[in-house]
Amino acid sequence: MRNTATIPIDELPRIFDKFYRIPGSDPWRYGGVGLGLALVKKLIAHIGADLQVESHSDQTTFTVTFPQSSLISSS
């Protein structure tokens, strides 16, 4: 069972802004204050990874790509 919101394509450029919430979304159903994705974006950038988001009619997908160097443990 899916209980997440699909993000409209025209909202994608703003979803990583601090305190941004999609207009018209139900705050009681989805909660939050609009900080989660802003924090994730900063964390991903800090570790040198890449964050991409795609949204289609019934699904939004987030993809994180880590640089190979961050996956190799130094001894």
N, C-alpha and C. Protein backbone atom coordinates (compact mmCIF):
# COMPACT_ATOMS: atom_id res chain seq x y z
N MET A 1 0.84 -1.19 0.00
CA MET A 1 0.00 0.00 0.00
C MET A 1 0.88 1.24 0.00
N ARG A 2 0.65 2.13 -0.95
CA ARG A 2 1.39 3.39 -1.02
C ARG A 2 0.65 4.44 -0.21
N ASN A 3 1.40 5.19 0.57
CA ASN A 3 0.77 6.29 1.32
C ASN A 3 1.56 7.58 1.13
N THR A 4 2.26 7.70 0.01
CA THR A 4 3.06 8.88 -0.25
C THR A 4 2.40 9.73 -1.33
N ALA A 5 2.79 10.99 -1.36
CA ALA A 5 2.24 11.90 -2.36
C ALA A 5 3.06 11.83 -3.63
N THR A 6 2.39 11.91 -4.76
CA THR A 6 3.08 12.07 -6.04
C THR A 6 3.34 13.55 -6.21
N ILE A 7 4.56 13.90 -6.57
CA ILE A 7 4.93 15.30 -6.70
C ILE A 7 4.70 15.74 -8.15
N PRO A 8 3.87 16.77 -8.36
CA PRO A 8 3.65 17.26 -9.72
C PRO A 8 4.96 17.74 -10.36
N ILE A 9 5.13 17.50 -11.65
CA ILE A 9 6.37 17.85 -12.35
C ILE A 9 6.70 19.33 -12.20
N ASP A 10 5.71 20.20 -12.26
CA ASP A 10 5.99 21.63 -12.17
C ASP A 10 6.44 22.07 -10.78
N GLU A 11 6.31 21.21 -9.78
CA GLU A 11 6.77 21.52 -8.42
C GLU A 11 8.20 21.05 -8.16
N LEU A 12 8.76 20.21 -9.02
CA LEU A 12 10.08 19.62 -8.78
C LEU A 12 11.19 20.64 -8.54
N PRO A 13 11.24 21.76 -9.26
CA PRO A 13 12.33 22.71 -9.01
C PRO A 13 12.34 23.30 -7.60
N ARG A 14 11.20 23.27 -6.91
CA ARG A 14 11.11 23.92 -5.59
C ARG A 14 11.10 22.96 -4.41
N ILE A 15 11.02 21.67 -4.63
CA ILE A 15 10.82 20.76 -3.50
C ILE A 15 12.01 20.68 -2.56
N PHE A 16 13.19 21.14 -2.98
CA PHE A 16 14.36 21.11 -2.12
C PHE A 16 14.57 22.43 -1.37
N ASP A 17 13.67 23.41 -1.57
CA ASP A 17 13.75 24.68 -0.84
C ASP A 17 13.30 24.47 0.61
N LYS A 18 13.98 25.14 1.53
CA LYS A 18 13.61 25.03 2.95
C LYS A 18 12.17 25.50 3.15
N PHE A 19 11.42 24.76 3.92
CA PHE A 19 10.04 25.06 4.31
C PHE A 19 9.05 25.04 3.15
N TYR A 20 9.45 24.52 2.00
CA TYR A 20 8.53 24.46 0.87
C TYR A 20 7.61 23.26 1.01
N ARG A 21 6.34 23.51 0.82
CA ARG A 21 5.34 22.44 0.80
C ARG A 21 4.53 22.59 -0.47
N ILE A 22 4.16 21.50 -1.05
CA ILE A 22 3.39 21.53 -2.29
C ILE A 22 2.02 22.14 -2.02
N PRO A 23 1.67 23.21 -2.73
CA PRO A 23 0.36 23.83 -2.52
C PRO A 23 -0.77 22.82 -2.74
N GLY A 24 -1.73 22.86 -1.87
CA GLY A 24 -2.87 21.98 -2.00
C GLY A 24 -2.69 20.61 -1.39
N SER A 25 -1.47 20.30 -0.91
CA SER A 25 -1.29 18.98 -0.27
C SER A 25 -1.92 19.01 1.11
N ASP A 26 -2.37 17.89 1.56
CA ASP A 26 -3.06 17.79 2.84
C ASP A 26 -2.03 17.68 3.97
N PRO A 27 -1.85 18.75 4.79
CA PRO A 27 -0.85 18.71 5.85
C PRO A 27 -1.14 17.67 6.93
N TRP A 28 -2.40 17.31 7.10
CA TRP A 28 -2.75 16.31 8.11
C TRP A 28 -2.39 14.91 7.64
N ARG A 29 -2.45 14.69 6.34
CA ARG A 29 -2.15 13.36 5.81
C ARG A 29 -0.64 13.12 5.68
N TYR A 30 0.10 14.13 5.21
CA TYR A 30 1.51 13.94 4.92
C TYR A 30 2.44 14.53 5.97
N GLY A 31 1.98 15.46 6.78
CA GLY A 31 2.79 16.02 7.86
C GLY A 31 4.04 16.72 7.38
N GLY A 32 4.90 17.08 8.34
CA GLY A 32 6.17 17.72 8.01
C GLY A 32 6.05 19.23 7.87
N VAL A 33 7.21 19.87 7.87
CA VAL A 33 7.25 21.33 7.75
C VAL A 33 8.04 21.77 6.52
N GLY A 34 8.46 20.84 5.70
CA GLY A 34 9.17 21.19 4.48
C GLY A 34 10.67 21.28 4.63
N LEU A 35 11.23 20.59 5.60
CA LEU A 35 12.68 20.62 5.79
C LEU A 35 13.38 19.33 5.36
N GLY A 36 12.68 18.24 5.28
CA GLY A 36 13.30 16.95 5.02
C GLY A 36 14.11 16.89 3.74
N LEU A 37 13.52 17.29 2.62
CA LEU A 37 14.24 17.20 1.35
C LEU A 37 15.37 18.22 1.27
N ALA A 38 15.22 19.37 1.91
CA ALA A 38 16.31 20.36 1.95
C ALA A 38 17.51 19.78 2.70
N LEU A 39 17.25 19.09 3.80
CA LEU A 39 18.34 18.47 4.57
C LEU A 39 18.99 17.32 3.80
N VAL A 40 18.18 16.52 3.15
CA VAL A 40 18.71 15.41 2.36
C VAL A 40 19.62 15.94 1.25
N LYS A 41 19.18 17.00 0.56
CA LYS A 41 19.97 17.56 -0.53
C LYS A 41 21.33 18.04 -0.02
N LYS A 42 21.36 18.71 1.14
CA LYS A 42 22.63 19.19 1.70
C LYS A 42 23.53 18.02 2.09
N LEU A 43 22.96 17.01 2.70
CA LEU A 43 23.74 15.84 3.11
C LEU A 43 24.34 15.13 1.89
N ILE A 44 23.54 14.93 0.88
CA ILE A 44 24.00 14.26 -0.34
C ILE A 44 25.13 15.07 -0.99
N ALA A 45 24.98 16.38 -1.06
CA ALA A 45 26.04 17.23 -1.64
C ALA A 45 27.30 17.17 -0.79
N HIS A 46 27.14 17.14 0.53
CA HIS A 46 28.29 17.11 1.44
C HIS A 46 29.15 15.86 1.25
N ILE A 47 28.53 14.75 0.97
CA ILE A 47 29.30 13.51 0.79
C ILE A 47 29.71 13.29 -0.67
N GLY A 48 29.37 14.23 -1.53
CA GLY A 48 29.79 14.14 -2.92
C GLY A 48 28.94 13.25 -3.80
N ALA A 49 27.74 12.95 -3.35
CA ALA A 49 26.83 12.10 -4.13
C ALA A 49 25.91 12.98 -4.98
N ASP A 50 25.11 12.35 -5.81
CA ASP A 50 24.20 13.05 -6.71
C ASP A 50 22.77 12.62 -6.40
N LEU A 51 21.86 13.58 -6.36
CA LEU A 51 20.45 13.30 -6.08
C LEU A 51 19.62 13.72 -7.28
N GLN A 52 18.83 12.80 -7.79
CA GLN A 52 17.94 13.10 -8.91
C GLN A 52 16.52 12.71 -8.53
N VAL A 53 15.56 13.44 -9.10
CA VAL A 53 14.16 13.13 -8.84
C VAL A 53 13.41 13.15 -10.17
N GLU A 54 12.53 12.17 -10.32
CA GLU A 54 11.66 12.08 -11.50
C GLU A 54 10.24 11.89 -11.01
N SER A 55 9.31 12.51 -11.68
CA SER A 55 7.92 12.36 -11.31
C SER A 55 7.09 12.07 -12.55
N HIS A 56 6.25 11.07 -12.42
CA HIS A 56 5.34 10.69 -13.50
C HIS A 56 3.92 10.75 -12.93
N SER A 57 2.95 10.41 -13.70
CA SER A 57 1.56 10.59 -13.31
C SER A 57 1.19 9.96 -11.97
N ASP A 58 1.79 8.84 -11.62
CA ASP A 58 1.38 8.18 -10.38
C ASP A 58 2.55 7.80 -9.49
N GLN A 59 3.75 8.31 -9.77
CA GLN A 59 4.92 7.88 -8.99
C GLN A 59 6.02 8.93 -9.05
N THR A 60 6.64 9.19 -7.91
CA THR A 60 7.82 10.05 -7.83
C THR A 60 8.97 9.18 -7.34
N THR A 61 10.11 9.26 -8.04
CA THR A 61 11.27 8.43 -7.71
C THR A 61 12.48 9.31 -7.43
N PHE A 62 13.13 9.03 -6.29
CA PHE A 62 14.38 9.71 -5.94
C PHE A 62 15.51 8.70 -6.12
N THR A 63 16.59 9.14 -6.77
CA THR A 63 17.74 8.29 -7.01
C THR A 63 18.99 8.97 -6.47
N VAL A 64 19.75 8.25 -5.64
CA VAL A 64 21.01 8.76 -5.11
C VAL A 64 22.13 7.94 -5.74
N THR A 65 23.10 8.65 -6.32
CA THR A 65 24.26 8.01 -6.93
C THR A 65 25.50 8.43 -6.16
N PHE A 66 26.19 7.43 -5.61
CA PHE A 66 27.39 7.70 -4.82
C PHE A 66 28.63 7.58 -5.70
N PRO A 67 29.60 8.48 -5.51
CA PRO A 67 30.85 8.32 -6.26
C PRO A 67 31.57 7.06 -5.79
N GLN A 68 32.24 6.40 -6.68
CA GLN A 68 32.91 5.15 -6.34
C GLN A 68 33.90 5.34 -5.20
N SER A 69 34.56 6.48 -5.14
CA SER A 69 35.56 6.72 -4.10
C SER A 69 34.95 6.71 -2.70
N SER A 70 33.68 7.09 -2.57
CA SER A 70 33.06 7.09 -1.24
C SER A 70 32.64 5.70 -0.80
N LEU A 71 32.62 4.75 -1.73
CA LEU A 71 32.23 3.39 -1.39
C LEU A 71 33.42 2.52 -1.01
N ILE A 72 34.62 3.01 -1.30
CA ILE A 72 35.83 2.25 -1.00
C ILE A 72 36.35 2.65 0.36
N SER A 73 36.50 1.69 1.23
CA SER A 73 36.99 1.95 2.58
C SER A 73 38.51 2.05 2.56
N SER A 74 39.03 3.10 3.22
CA SER A 74 40.49 3.22 3.31
C SER A 74 40.96 2.55 4.59
N SER A 75 42.05 1.82 4.51
CA SER A 75 42.57 1.08 5.67
C SER A 75 43.72 1.80 6.30
